[in-house]
Amino acid sequence: MSRVIELQRYIGKPVRDADGKDLGHLHEVRAHREGAELLVHEFVVGGAGLFERFSVAQLAFEVGFIFGIGRVQGFVVPWDCMEFPEDGKPRCTRRASELKRFSAERPEGK
């Protein structure tokens, strides 16, 4: 099923899971090109998504390490598990425990 959504309305908004638990804010949209169209395949929600959005995941790790903060965490939400209702409050149809975790961490070999 294809649908068109004005994603700029939802970027930066808090996202809740199927149980109403706060997952973090929607910061990053991952898409790929298919012909003339860009198709969304997943969303990154939470602090790690914010760092990915600004391409500073490595910097986030280094700063966190200096200040004794652990990895910045987030969730990867498949495109078909996200709802974008008219009230402007995006929702994930899965529980947090069912989602893939994402973190801004030191790359291998560093």
PDB file of N, CA and C in Angstrom:
ATOM      1  N   MET A   1       0.845  -1.174   0.000  1.00  0.00           N
ATOM      2  CA  MET A   1       0.000   0.000   0.000  1.00  0.00           C
ATOM      3  C   MET A   1       0.892   1.239   0.000  1.00  0.00           C
ATOM      4  N   SER A   2       0.591   2.184  -0.833  1.00  0.00           N
ATOM      5  CA  SER A   2       1.349   3.413  -0.943  1.00  0.00           C
ATOM      6  C   SER A   2       0.565   4.556  -0.320  1.00  0.00           C
ATOM      7  N   ARG A   3       1.278   5.414   0.409  1.00  0.00           N
ATOM      8  CA  ARG A   3       0.630   6.588   0.967  1.00  0.00           C
ATOM      9  C   ARG A   3       1.634   7.729   0.985  1.00  0.00           C
ATOM     10  N   VAL A   4       1.143   8.929   0.911  1.00  0.00           N
ATOM     11  CA  VAL A   4       1.984  10.114   0.923  1.00  0.00           C
ATOM     12  C   VAL A   4       1.735  10.846   2.232  1.00  0.00           C
ATOM     13  N   ILE A   5       2.822  11.188   2.923  1.00  0.00           N
ATOM     14  CA  ILE A   5       2.730  11.829   4.232  1.00  0.00           C
ATOM     15  C   ILE A   5       3.656  13.049   4.238  1.00  0.00           C
ATOM     16  N   GLU A   6       3.214  14.129   4.825  1.00  0.00           N
ATOM     17  CA  GLU A   6       4.062  15.304   5.005  1.00  0.00           C
ATOM     18  C   GLU A   6       4.923  15.074   6.245  1.00  0.00           C
ATOM     19  N   LEU A   7       6.068  14.434   6.056  1.00  0.00           N
ATOM     20  CA  LEU A   7       6.907  14.039   7.190  1.00  0.00           C
ATOM     21  C   LEU A   7       7.419  15.206   8.011  1.00  0.00           C
ATOM     22  N   GLN A   8       7.603  16.369   7.397  1.00  0.00           N
ATOM     23  CA  GLN A   8       8.110  17.506   8.163  1.00  0.00           C
ATOM     24  C   GLN A   8       7.190  17.857   9.327  1.00  0.00           C
ATOM     25  N   ARG A   9       5.917  17.491   9.243  1.00  0.00           N
ATOM     26  CA  ARG A   9       4.975  17.723  10.351  1.00  0.00           C
ATOM     27  C   ARG A   9       5.289  16.867  11.572  1.00  0.00           C
ATOM     28  N   TYR A  10       5.994  15.768  11.357  1.00  0.00           N
ATOM     29  CA  TYR A  10       6.209  14.791  12.420  1.00  0.00           C
ATOM     30  C   TYR A  10       7.647  14.734  12.940  1.00  0.00           C
ATOM     31  N   ILE A  11       8.608  15.262  12.192  1.00  0.00           N
ATOM     32  CA  ILE A  11      10.002  15.241  12.630  1.00  0.00           C
ATOM     33  C   ILE A  11      10.122  16.034  13.930  1.00  0.00           C
ATOM     34  N   GLY A  12      10.765  15.431  14.912  1.00  0.00           N
ATOM     35  CA  GLY A  12      10.950  16.061  16.213  1.00  0.00           C
ATOM     36  C   GLY A  12       9.820  15.808  17.196  1.00  0.00           C
ATOM     37  N   LYS A  13       8.767  15.140  16.753  1.00  0.00           N
ATOM     38  CA  LYS A  13       7.625  14.847  17.637  1.00  0.00           C
ATOM     39  C   LYS A  13       7.894  13.580  18.447  1.00  0.00           C
ATOM     40  N   PRO A  14       7.367  13.515  19.672  1.00  0.00           N
ATOM     41  CA  PRO A  14       7.520  12.287  20.468  1.00  0.00           C
ATOM     42  C   PRO A  14       6.714  11.138  19.872  1.00  0.00           C
ATOM     43  N   VAL A  15       7.262   9.943  20.004  1.00  0.00           N
ATOM     44  CA  VAL A  15       6.619   8.731  19.487  1.00  0.00           C
ATOM     45  C   VAL A  15       6.381   7.784  20.656  1.00  0.00           C
ATOM     46  N   ARG A  16       5.210   7.192  20.704  1.00  0.00           N
ATOM     47  CA  ARG A  16       4.872   6.193  21.728  1.00  0.00           C
ATOM     48  C   ARG A  16       4.717   4.839  21.048  1.00  0.00           C
ATOM     49  N   ASP A  17       4.984   3.785  21.822  1.00  0.00           N
ATOM     50  CA  ASP A  17       4.833   2.436  21.276  1.00  0.00           C
ATOM     51  C   ASP A  17       3.411   1.939  21.474  1.00  0.00           C
ATOM     52  N   ALA A  18       3.173   0.673  21.151  1.00  0.00           N
ATOM     53  CA  ALA A  18       1.827   0.091  21.224  1.00  0.00           C
ATOM     54  C   ALA A  18       1.271   0.082  22.644  1.00  0.00           C
ATOM     55  N   ASP A  19       2.157   0.110  23.649  1.00  0.00           N
ATOM     56  CA  ASP A  19       1.726   0.134  25.048  1.00  0.00           C
ATOM     57  C   ASP A  19       1.648   1.549  25.620  1.00  0.00           C
ATOM     58  N   GLY A  20       1.917   2.547  24.792  1.00  0.00           N
ATOM     59  CA  GLY A  20       1.888   3.928  25.254  1.00  0.00           C
ATOM     60  C   GLY A  20       3.203   4.398  25.858  1.00  0.00           C
ATOM     61  N   LYS A  21       4.252   3.551  25.804  1.00  0.00           N
ATOM     62  CA  LYS A  21       5.567   3.909  26.342  1.00  0.00           C
ATOM     63  C   LYS A  21       6.258   4.889  25.393  1.00  0.00           C
ATOM     64  N   ASP A  22       6.919   5.895  25.960  1.00  0.00           N
ATOM     65  CA  ASP A  22       7.640   6.883  25.170  1.00  0.00           C
ATOM     66  C   ASP A  22       8.896   6.251  24.589  1.00  0.00           C
ATOM     67  N   LEU A  23       9.034   6.303  23.256  1.00  0.00           N
ATOM     68  CA  LEU A  23      10.217   5.764  22.584  1.00  0.00           C
ATOM     69  C   LEU A  23      11.271   6.838  22.349  1.00  0.00           C
ATOM     70  N   GLY A  24      10.877   8.080  22.389  1.00  0.00           N
ATOM     71  CA  GLY A  24      11.763   9.193  22.048  1.00  0.00           C
ATOM     72  C   GLY A  24      11.130   9.996  20.928  1.00  0.00           C
ATOM     73  N   HIS A  25      11.890  10.904  20.371  1.00  0.00           N
ATOM     74  CA  HIS A  25      11.383  11.754  19.304  1.00  0.00           C
ATOM     75  C   HIS A  25      11.787  11.190  17.945  1.00  0.00           C
ATOM     76  N   LEU A  26      10.957  11.421  16.953  1.00  0.00           N
ATOM     77  CA  LEU A  26      11.247  11.004  15.582  1.00  0.00           C
ATOM     78  C   LEU A  26      12.258  11.984  14.995  1.00  0.00           C
ATOM     79  N   HIS A  27      13.447  11.475  14.658  1.00  0.00           N
ATOM     80  CA  HIS A  27      14.503  12.356  14.166  1.00  0.00           C
ATOM     81  C   HIS A  27      15.010  11.991  12.785  1.00  0.00           C
ATOM     82  N   GLU A  28      14.927  10.759  12.401  1.00  0.00           N
ATOM     83  CA  GLU A  28      15.561  10.343  11.157  1.00  0.00           C
ATOM     84  C   GLU A  28      14.633   9.437  10.361  1.00  0.00           C
ATOM     85  N   VAL A  29      14.628   9.653   9.054  1.00  0.00           N
ATOM     86  CA  VAL A  29      13.855   8.841   8.122  1.00  0.00           C
ATOM     87  C   VAL A  29      14.843   8.214   7.154  1.00  0.00           C
ATOM     88  N   ARG A  30      14.829   6.919   7.049  1.00  0.00           N
ATOM     89  CA  ARG A  30      15.708   6.223   6.104  1.00  0.00           C
ATOM     90  C   ARG A  30      14.893   5.816   4.889  1.00  0.00           C
ATOM     91  N   ALA A  31      15.382   6.206   3.735  1.00  0.00           N
ATOM     92  CA  ALA A  31      14.664   5.935   2.489  1.00  0.00           C
ATOM     93  C   ALA A  31      15.648   5.486   1.420  1.00  0.00           C
ATOM     94  N   HIS A  32      15.112   4.907   0.369  1.00  0.00           N
ATOM     95  CA  HIS A  32      15.927   4.530  -0.784  1.00  0.00           C
ATOM     96  C   HIS A  32      15.178   4.925  -2.058  1.00  0.00           C
ATOM     97  N   ARG A  33      15.936   5.114  -3.111  1.00  0.00           N
ATOM     98  CA  ARG A  33      15.358   5.532  -4.385  1.00  0.00           C
ATOM     99  C   ARG A  33      14.920   4.315  -5.184  1.00  0.00           C
ATOM    100  N   GLU A  34      13.721   4.377  -5.699  1.00  0.00           N
ATOM    101  CA  GLU A  34      13.204   3.367  -6.613  1.00  0.00           C
ATOM    102  C   GLU A  34      12.628   4.105  -7.801  1.00  0.00           C
ATOM    103  N   GLY A  35      13.390   4.115  -8.882  1.00  0.00           N
ATOM    104  CA  GLY A  35      12.970   4.891 -10.036  1.00  0.00           C
ATOM    105  C   GLY A  35      12.981   6.371  -9.697  1.00  0.00           C
ATOM    106  N   ALA A  36      11.869   7.036  -9.911  1.00  0.00           N
ATOM    107  CA  ALA A  36      11.760   8.467  -9.638  1.00  0.00           C
ATOM    108  C   ALA A  36      11.255   8.753  -8.227  1.00  0.00           C
ATOM    109  N   GLU A  37      11.006   7.711  -7.444  1.00  0.00           N
ATOM    110  CA  GLU A  37      10.430   7.906  -6.116  1.00  0.00           C
ATOM    111  C   GLU A  37      11.425   7.584  -5.006  1.00  0.00           C
ATOM    112  N   LEU A  38      11.245   8.234  -3.866  1.00  0.00           N
ATOM    113  CA  LEU A  38      11.964   7.889  -2.647  1.00  0.00           C
ATOM    114  C   LEU A  38      10.991   7.132  -1.760  1.00  0.00           C
ATOM    115  N   LEU A  39      11.378   5.928  -1.355  1.00  0.00           N
ATOM    116  CA  LEU A  39      10.515   5.091  -0.532  1.00  0.00           C
ATOM    117  C   LEU A  39      11.109   4.949   0.864  1.00  0.00           C
ATOM    118  N   VAL A  40      10.331   5.285   1.861  1.00  0.00           N
ATOM    119  CA  VAL A  40      10.763   5.163   3.246  1.00  0.00           C
ATOM    120  C   VAL A  40      10.765   3.691   3.631  1.00  0.00           C
ATOM    121  N   HIS A  41      11.849   3.236   4.269  1.00  0.00           N
ATOM    122  CA  HIS A  41      11.868   1.844   4.729  1.00  0.00           C
ATOM    123  C   HIS A  41      11.958   1.741   6.247  1.00  0.00           C
ATOM    124  N   GLU A  42      12.412   2.808   6.940  1.00  0.00           N
ATOM    125  CA  GLU A  42      12.395   2.779   8.392  1.00  0.00           C
ATOM    126  C   GLU A  42      12.617   4.176   8.966  1.00  0.00           C
ATOM    127  N   PHE A  43      12.315   4.287  10.255  1.00  0.00           N
ATOM    128  CA  PHE A  43      12.462   5.535  10.988  1.00  0.00           C
ATOM    129  C   PHE A  43      13.379   5.275  12.176  1.00  0.00           C
ATOM    130  N   VAL A  44      14.181   6.271  12.569  1.00  0.00           N
ATOM    131  CA  VAL A  44      14.998   6.160  13.769  1.00  0.00           C
ATOM    132  C   VAL A  44      14.425   7.128  14.794  1.00  0.00           C
ATOM    133  N   VAL A  45      14.063   6.580  15.943  1.00  0.00           N
ATOM    134  CA  VAL A  45      13.408   7.331  17.009  1.00  0.00           C
ATOM    135  C   VAL A  45      14.310   7.326  18.232  1.00  0.00           C
ATOM    136  N   GLY A  46      14.450   8.455  18.891  1.00  0.00           N
ATOM    137  CA  GLY A  46      15.262   8.562  20.098  1.00  0.00           C
ATOM    138  C   GLY A  46      16.518   9.372  19.854  1.00  0.00           C
ATOM    139  N   GLY A  47      17.303   9.551  20.900  1.00  0.00           N
ATOM    140  CA  GLY A  47      18.498  10.381  20.840  1.00  0.00           C
ATOM    141  C   GLY A  47      19.493   9.970  19.777  1.00  0.00           C
ATOM    142  N   ALA A  48      19.668   8.683  19.558  1.00  0.00           N
ATOM    143  CA  ALA A  48      20.608   8.220  18.547  1.00  0.00           C
ATOM    144  C   ALA A  48      20.169   8.660  17.159  1.00  0.00           C
ATOM    145  N   GLY A  49      18.874   8.748  16.955  1.00  0.00           N
ATOM    146  CA  GLY A  49      18.358   9.230  15.676  1.00  0.00           C
ATOM    147  C   GLY A  49      18.710  10.680  15.428  1.00  0.00           C
ATOM    148  N   LEU A  50      18.698  11.473  16.489  1.00  0.00           N
ATOM    149  CA  LEU A  50      19.076  12.882  16.364  1.00  0.00           C
ATOM    150  C   LEU A  50      20.527  12.994  15.933  1.00  0.00           C
ATOM    151  N   PHE A  51      21.403  12.198  16.538  1.00  0.00           N
ATOM    152  CA  PHE A  51      22.813  12.244  16.160  1.00  0.00           C
ATOM    153  C   PHE A  51      23.024  11.745  14.739  1.00  0.00           C
ATOM    154  N   GLU A  52      22.290  10.720  14.340  1.00  0.00           N
ATOM    155  CA  GLU A  52      22.408  10.239  12.969  1.00  0.00           C
ATOM    156  C   GLU A  52      21.922  11.306  11.989  1.00  0.00           C
ATOM    157  N   ARG A  53      20.855  11.979  12.350  1.00  0.00           N
ATOM    158  CA  ARG A  53      20.286  13.022  11.490  1.00  0.00           C
ATOM    159  C   ARG A  53      21.323  14.079  11.153  1.00  0.00           C
ATOM    160  N   PHE A  54      22.129  14.438  12.111  1.00  0.00           N
ATOM    161  CA  PHE A  54      23.146  15.463  11.888  1.00  0.00           C
ATOM    162  C   PHE A  54      24.522  14.865  11.609  1.00  0.00           C
ATOM    163  N   SER A  55      24.575  13.562  11.368  1.00  0.00           N
ATOM    164  CA  SER A  55      25.811  12.850  11.031  1.00  0.00           C
ATOM    165  C   SER A  55      26.904  13.048  12.070  1.00  0.00           C
ATOM    166  N   VAL A  56      26.512  13.012  13.343  1.00  0.00           N
ATOM    167  CA  VAL A  56      27.489  13.201  14.409  1.00  0.00           C
ATOM    168  C   VAL A  56      27.470  12.038  15.398  1.00  0.00           C
ATOM    169  N   ALA A  57      27.152  10.837  14.929  1.00  0.00           N
ATOM    170  CA  ALA A  57      27.086   9.682  15.823  1.00  0.00           C
ATOM    171  C   ALA A  57      28.421   9.434  16.505  1.00  0.00           C
ATOM    172  N   GLN A  58      29.531   9.539  15.761  1.00  0.00           N
ATOM    173  CA  GLN A  58      30.844   9.335  16.355  1.00  0.00           C
ATOM    174  C   GLN A  58      31.132  10.421  17.385  1.00  0.00           C
ATOM    175  N   LEU A  59      30.796  11.658  17.079  1.00  0.00           N
ATOM    176  CA  LEU A  59      30.996  12.753  18.027  1.00  0.00           C
ATOM    177  C   LEU A  59      30.186  12.515  19.299  1.00  0.00           C
ATOM    178  N   ALA A  60      28.965  12.025  19.150  1.00  0.00           N
ATOM    179  CA  ALA A  60      28.119  11.743  20.314  1.00  0.00           C
ATOM    180  C   ALA A  60      28.782  10.715  21.218  1.00  0.00           C
ATOM    181  N   PHE A  61      29.398   9.710  20.617  1.00  0.00           N
ATOM    182  CA  PHE A  61      30.084   8.704  21.420  1.00  0.00           C
ATOM    183  C   PHE A  61      31.232   9.332  22.190  1.00  0.00           C
ATOM    184  N   GLU A  62      32.056  10.118  21.485  1.00  0.00           N
ATOM    185  CA  GLU A  62      33.230  10.728  22.113  1.00  0.00           C
ATOM    186  C   GLU A  62      32.831  11.675  23.241  1.00  0.00           C
ATOM    187  N   VAL A  63      31.850  12.527  23.015  1.00  0.00           N
ATOM    188  CA  VAL A  63      31.402  13.464  24.040  1.00  0.00           C
ATOM    189  C   VAL A  63      30.813  12.698  25.219  1.00  0.00           C
ATOM    190  N   GLY A  64      30.001  11.685  24.929  1.00  0.00           N
ATOM    191  CA  GLY A  64      29.430  10.869  25.991  1.00  0.00           C
ATOM    192  C   GLY A  64      30.503  10.191  26.825  1.00  0.00           C
ATOM    193  N   PHE A  65      31.547   9.708  26.161  1.00  0.00           N
ATOM    194  CA  PHE A  65      32.649   9.048  26.861  1.00  0.00           C
ATOM    195  C   PHE A  65      33.347  10.025  27.805  1.00  0.00           C
ATOM    196  N   ILE A  66      33.596  11.240  27.329  1.00  0.00           N
ATOM    197  CA  ILE A  66      34.274  12.260  28.142  1.00  0.00           C
ATOM    198  C   ILE A  66      33.473  12.573  29.399  1.00  0.00           C
ATOM    199  N   PHE A  67      32.146  12.676  29.255  1.00  0.00           N
ATOM    200  CA  PHE A  67      31.298  13.047  30.378  1.00  0.00           C
ATOM    201  C   PHE A  67      30.737  11.850  31.140  1.00  0.00           C
ATOM    202  N   GLY A  68      31.177  10.658  30.787  1.00  0.00           N
ATOM    203  CA  GLY A  68      30.749   9.471  31.513  1.00  0.00           C
ATOM    204  C   GLY A  68      29.334   9.030  31.194  1.00  0.00           C
ATOM    205  N   ILE A  69      28.842   9.444  30.045  1.00  0.00           N
ATOM    206  CA  ILE A  69      27.491   9.059  29.628  1.00  0.00           C
ATOM    207  C   ILE A  69      27.609   7.828  28.745  1.00  0.00           C
ATOM    208  N   GLY A  70      26.721   6.871  28.932  1.00  0.00           N
ATOM    209  CA  GLY A  70      26.737   5.666  28.109  1.00  0.00           C
ATOM    210  C   GLY A  70      26.317   5.955  26.677  1.00  0.00           C
ATOM    211  N   ARG A  71      26.130   4.919  25.941  1.00  0.00           N
ATOM    212  CA  ARG A  71      25.707   5.070  24.550  1.00  0.00           C
ATOM    213  C   ARG A  71      24.368   5.782  24.463  1.00  0.00           C
ATOM    214  N   VAL A  72      24.243   6.594  23.437  1.00  0.00           N
ATOM    215  CA  VAL A  72      22.974   7.249  23.167  1.00  0.00           C
ATOM    216  C   VAL A  72      22.104   6.229  22.442  1.00  0.00           C
ATOM    217  N   GLN A  73      20.911   5.980  22.957  1.00  0.00           N
ATOM    218  CA  GLN A  73      20.055   4.909  22.449  1.00  0.00           C
ATOM    219  C   GLN A  73      18.901   5.418  21.586  1.00  0.00           C
ATOM    220  N   GLY A  74      18.354   4.522  20.834  1.00  0.00           N
ATOM    221  CA  GLY A  74      17.180   4.801  20.031  1.00  0.00           C
ATOM    222  C   GLY A  74      16.586   3.506  19.521  1.00  0.00           C
ATOM    223  N   PHE A  75      15.573   3.627  18.694  1.00  0.00           N
ATOM    224  CA  PHE A  75      14.896   2.470  18.115  1.00  0.00           C
ATOM    225  C   PHE A  75      14.783   2.649  16.613  1.00  0.00           C
ATOM    226  N   VAL A  76      14.837   1.532  15.898  1.00  0.00           N
ATOM    227  CA  VAL A  76      14.586   1.528  14.462  1.00  0.00           C
ATOM    228  C   VAL A  76      13.180   0.972  14.271  1.00  0.00           C
ATOM    229  N   VAL A  77      12.316   1.781  13.661  1.00  0.00           N
ATOM    230  CA  VAL A  77      10.914   1.397  13.462  1.00  0.00           C
ATOM    231  C   VAL A  77      10.670   1.154  11.974  1.00  0.00           C
ATOM    232  N   PRO A  78      10.267  -0.051  11.575  1.00  0.00           N
ATOM    233  CA  PRO A  78       9.951  -0.308  10.173  1.00  0.00           C
ATOM    234  C   PRO A  78       8.829   0.617   9.699  1.00  0.00           C
ATOM    235  N   TRP A  79       8.860   0.964   8.430  1.00  0.00           N
ATOM    236  CA  TRP A  79       7.902   1.936   7.882  1.00  0.00           C
ATOM    237  C   TRP A  79       6.464   1.533   8.118  1.00  0.00           C
ATOM    238  N   ASP A  80       6.179   0.230   8.042  1.00  0.00           N
ATOM    239  CA  ASP A  80       4.788  -0.219   8.153  1.00  0.00           C
ATOM    240  C   ASP A  80       4.315  -0.350   9.601  1.00  0.00           C
ATOM    241  N   CYS A  81       5.183   0.011  10.552  1.00  0.00           N
ATOM    242  CA  CYS A  81       4.809  -0.044  11.970  1.00  0.00           C
ATOM    243  C   CYS A  81       4.626   1.352  12.564  1.00  0.00           C
ATOM    244  N   MET A  82       4.601   2.352  11.705  1.00  0.00           N
ATOM    245  CA  MET A  82       4.442   3.721  12.182  1.00  0.00           C
ATOM    246  C   MET A  82       3.125   4.286  11.655  1.00  0.00           C
ATOM    247  N   GLU A  83       2.383   4.914  12.556  1.00  0.00           N
ATOM    248  CA  GLU A  83       1.127   5.571  12.182  1.00  0.00           C
ATOM    249  C   GLU A  83       1.311   7.079  12.329  1.00  0.00           C
ATOM    250  N   PHE A  84       0.730   7.820  11.402  1.00  0.00           N
ATOM    251  CA  PHE A  84       0.815   9.276  11.409  1.00  0.00           C
ATOM    252  C   PHE A  84      -0.591   9.871  11.399  1.00  0.00           C
ATOM    253  N   PRO A  85      -1.224   9.919  12.570  1.00  0.00           N
ATOM    254  CA  PRO A  85      -2.596  10.435  12.642  1.00  0.00           C
ATOM    255  C   PRO A  85      -2.645  11.954  12.457  1.00  0.00           C
ATOM    256  N   GLU A  86      -3.828  12.440  12.186  1.00  0.00           N
ATOM    257  CA  GLU A  86      -4.050  13.864  11.954  1.00  0.00           C
ATOM    258  C   GLU A  86      -3.713  14.721  13.175  1.00  0.00           C
ATOM    259  N   ASP A  87      -3.741  14.141  14.375  1.00  0.00           N
ATOM    260  CA  ASP A  87      -3.461  14.936  15.583  1.00  0.00           C
ATOM    261  C   ASP A  87      -1.974  15.291  15.712  1.00  0.00           C
ATOM    262  N   GLY A  88      -1.134  14.812  14.764  1.00  0.00           N
ATOM    263  CA  GLY A  88       0.279  15.159  14.766  1.00  0.00           C
ATOM    264  C   GLY A  88       1.132  14.384  15.743  1.00  0.00           C
ATOM    265  N   LYS A  89       0.588  13.304  16.326  1.00  0.00           N
ATOM    266  CA  LYS A  89       1.311  12.501  17.308  1.00  0.00           C
ATOM    267  C   LYS A  89       1.604  11.119  16.725  1.00  0.00           C
ATOM    268  N   PRO A  90       2.804  10.942  16.149  1.00  0.00           N
ATOM    269  CA  PRO A  90       3.112   9.644  15.541  1.00  0.00           C
ATOM    270  C   PRO A  90       3.132   8.520  16.583  1.00  0.00           C
ATOM    271  N   ARG A  91       2.700   7.338  16.149  1.00  0.00           N
ATOM    272  CA  ARG A  91       2.644   6.168  17.035  1.00  0.00           C
ATOM    273  C   ARG A  91       3.254   4.962  16.337  1.00  0.00           C
ATOM    274  N   CYS A  92       3.928   4.150  17.127  1.00  0.00           N
ATOM    275  CA  CYS A  92       4.464   2.885  16.646  1.00  0.00           C
ATOM    276  C   CYS A  92       3.463   1.794  17.027  1.00  0.00           C
ATOM    277  N   THR A  93       3.202   0.888  16.122  1.00  0.00           N
ATOM    278  CA  THR A  93       2.231  -0.177  16.389  1.00  0.00           C
ATOM    279  C   THR A  93       2.852  -1.391  17.070  1.00  0.00           C
ATOM    280  N   ARG A  94       4.150  -1.352  17.331  1.00  0.00           N
ATOM    281  CA  ARG A  94       4.838  -2.431  18.044  1.00  0.00           C
ATOM    282  C   ARG A  94       5.265  -1.961  19.421  1.00  0.00           C
ATOM    283  N   ARG A  95       5.536  -2.934  20.292  1.00  0.00           N
ATOM    284  CA  ARG A  95       6.092  -2.633  21.612  1.00  0.00           C
ATOM    285  C   ARG A  95       7.589  -2.344  21.460  1.00  0.00           C
ATOM    286  N   ALA A  96       8.130  -1.574  22.392  1.00  0.00           N
ATOM    287  CA  ALA A  96       9.559  -1.256  22.369  1.00  0.00           C
ATOM    288  C   ALA A  96      10.400  -2.532  22.341  1.00  0.00           C
ATOM    289  N   SER A  97       9.988  -3.549  23.081  1.00  0.00           N
ATOM    290  CA  SER A  97      10.751  -4.799  23.151  1.00  0.00           C
ATOM    291  C   SER A  97      10.800  -5.539  21.816  1.00  0.00           C
ATOM    292  N   GLU A  98       9.918  -5.202  20.893  1.00  0.00           N
ATOM    293  CA  GLU A  98       9.873  -5.854  19.580  1.00  0.00           C
ATOM    294  C   GLU A  98      10.677  -5.107  18.519  1.00  0.00           C
ATOM    295  N   LEU A  99      11.231  -3.951  18.881  1.00  0.00           N
ATOM    296  CA  LEU A  99      11.952  -3.119  17.920  1.00  0.00           C
ATOM    297  C   LEU A  99      13.450  -3.339  18.009  1.00  0.00           C
ATOM    298  N   LYS A 100      14.122  -3.128  16.900  1.00  0.00           N
ATOM    299  CA  LYS A 100      15.577  -3.188  16.861  1.00  0.00           C
ATOM    300  C   LYS A 100      16.126  -1.940  17.549  1.00  0.00           C
ATOM    301  N   ARG A 101      17.109  -2.130  18.424  1.00  0.00           N
ATOM    302  CA  ARG A 101      17.749  -1.009  19.117  1.00  0.00           C
ATOM    303  C   ARG A 101      18.790  -0.380  18.202  1.00  0.00           C
ATOM    304  N   PHE A 102      19.027   0.887  18.415  1.00  0.00           N
ATOM    305  CA  PHE A 102      20.024   1.621  17.638  1.00  0.00           C
ATOM    306  C   PHE A 102      20.805   2.475  18.615  1.00  0.00           C
ATOM    307  N   SER A 103      22.135   2.543  18.453  1.00  0.00           N
ATOM    308  CA  SER A 103      22.904   3.379  19.366  1.00  0.00           C
ATOM    309  C   SER A 103      24.031   4.075  18.622  1.00  0.00           C
ATOM    310  N   ALA A 104      24.376   5.255  19.106  1.00  0.00           N
ATOM    311  CA  ALA A 104      25.531   5.989  18.616  1.00  0.00           C
ATOM    312  C   ALA A 104      26.704   5.474  19.424  1.00  0.00           C
ATOM    313  N   GLU A 105      27.528   4.682  18.792  1.00  0.00           N
ATOM    314  CA  GLU A 105      28.639   4.081  19.538  1.00  0.00           C
ATOM    315  C   GLU A 105      29.908   4.091  18.709  1.00  0.00           C
ATOM    316  N   ARG A 106      30.996   3.764  19.366  1.00  0.00           N
ATOM    317  CA  ARG A 106      32.301   3.749  18.704  1.00  0.00           C
ATOM    318  C   ARG A 106      32.313   2.685  17.610  1.00  0.00           C
ATOM    319  N   PRO A 107      32.728   3.063  16.379  1.00  0.00           N
ATOM    320  CA  PRO A 107      32.808   2.078  15.298  1.00  0.00           C
ATOM    321  C   PRO A 107      33.856   1.014  15.601  1.00  0.00           C
ATOM    322  N   GLU A 108      33.732  -0.153  14.981  1.00  0.00           N
ATOM    323  CA  GLU A 108      34.696  -1.244  15.162  1.00  0.00           C
ATOM    324  C   GLU A 108      36.106  -0.785  14.845  1.00  0.00           C
ATOM    325  N   GLY A 109      37.065  -1.214  15.650  1.00  0.00           N
ATOM    326  CA  GLY A 109      38.457  -0.918  15.388  1.00  0.00           C
ATOM    327  C   GLY A 109      38.937   0.431  15.897  1.00  0.00           C
ATOM    328  N   LYS A 110      38.110   1.160  16.592  1.00  0.00           N
ATOM    329  CA  LYS A 110      38.522   2.490  17.097  1.00  0.00           C
ATOM    330  C   LYS A 110      38.744   2.416  18.580  1.00  0.00           C
TER     331      LYS A 110
END
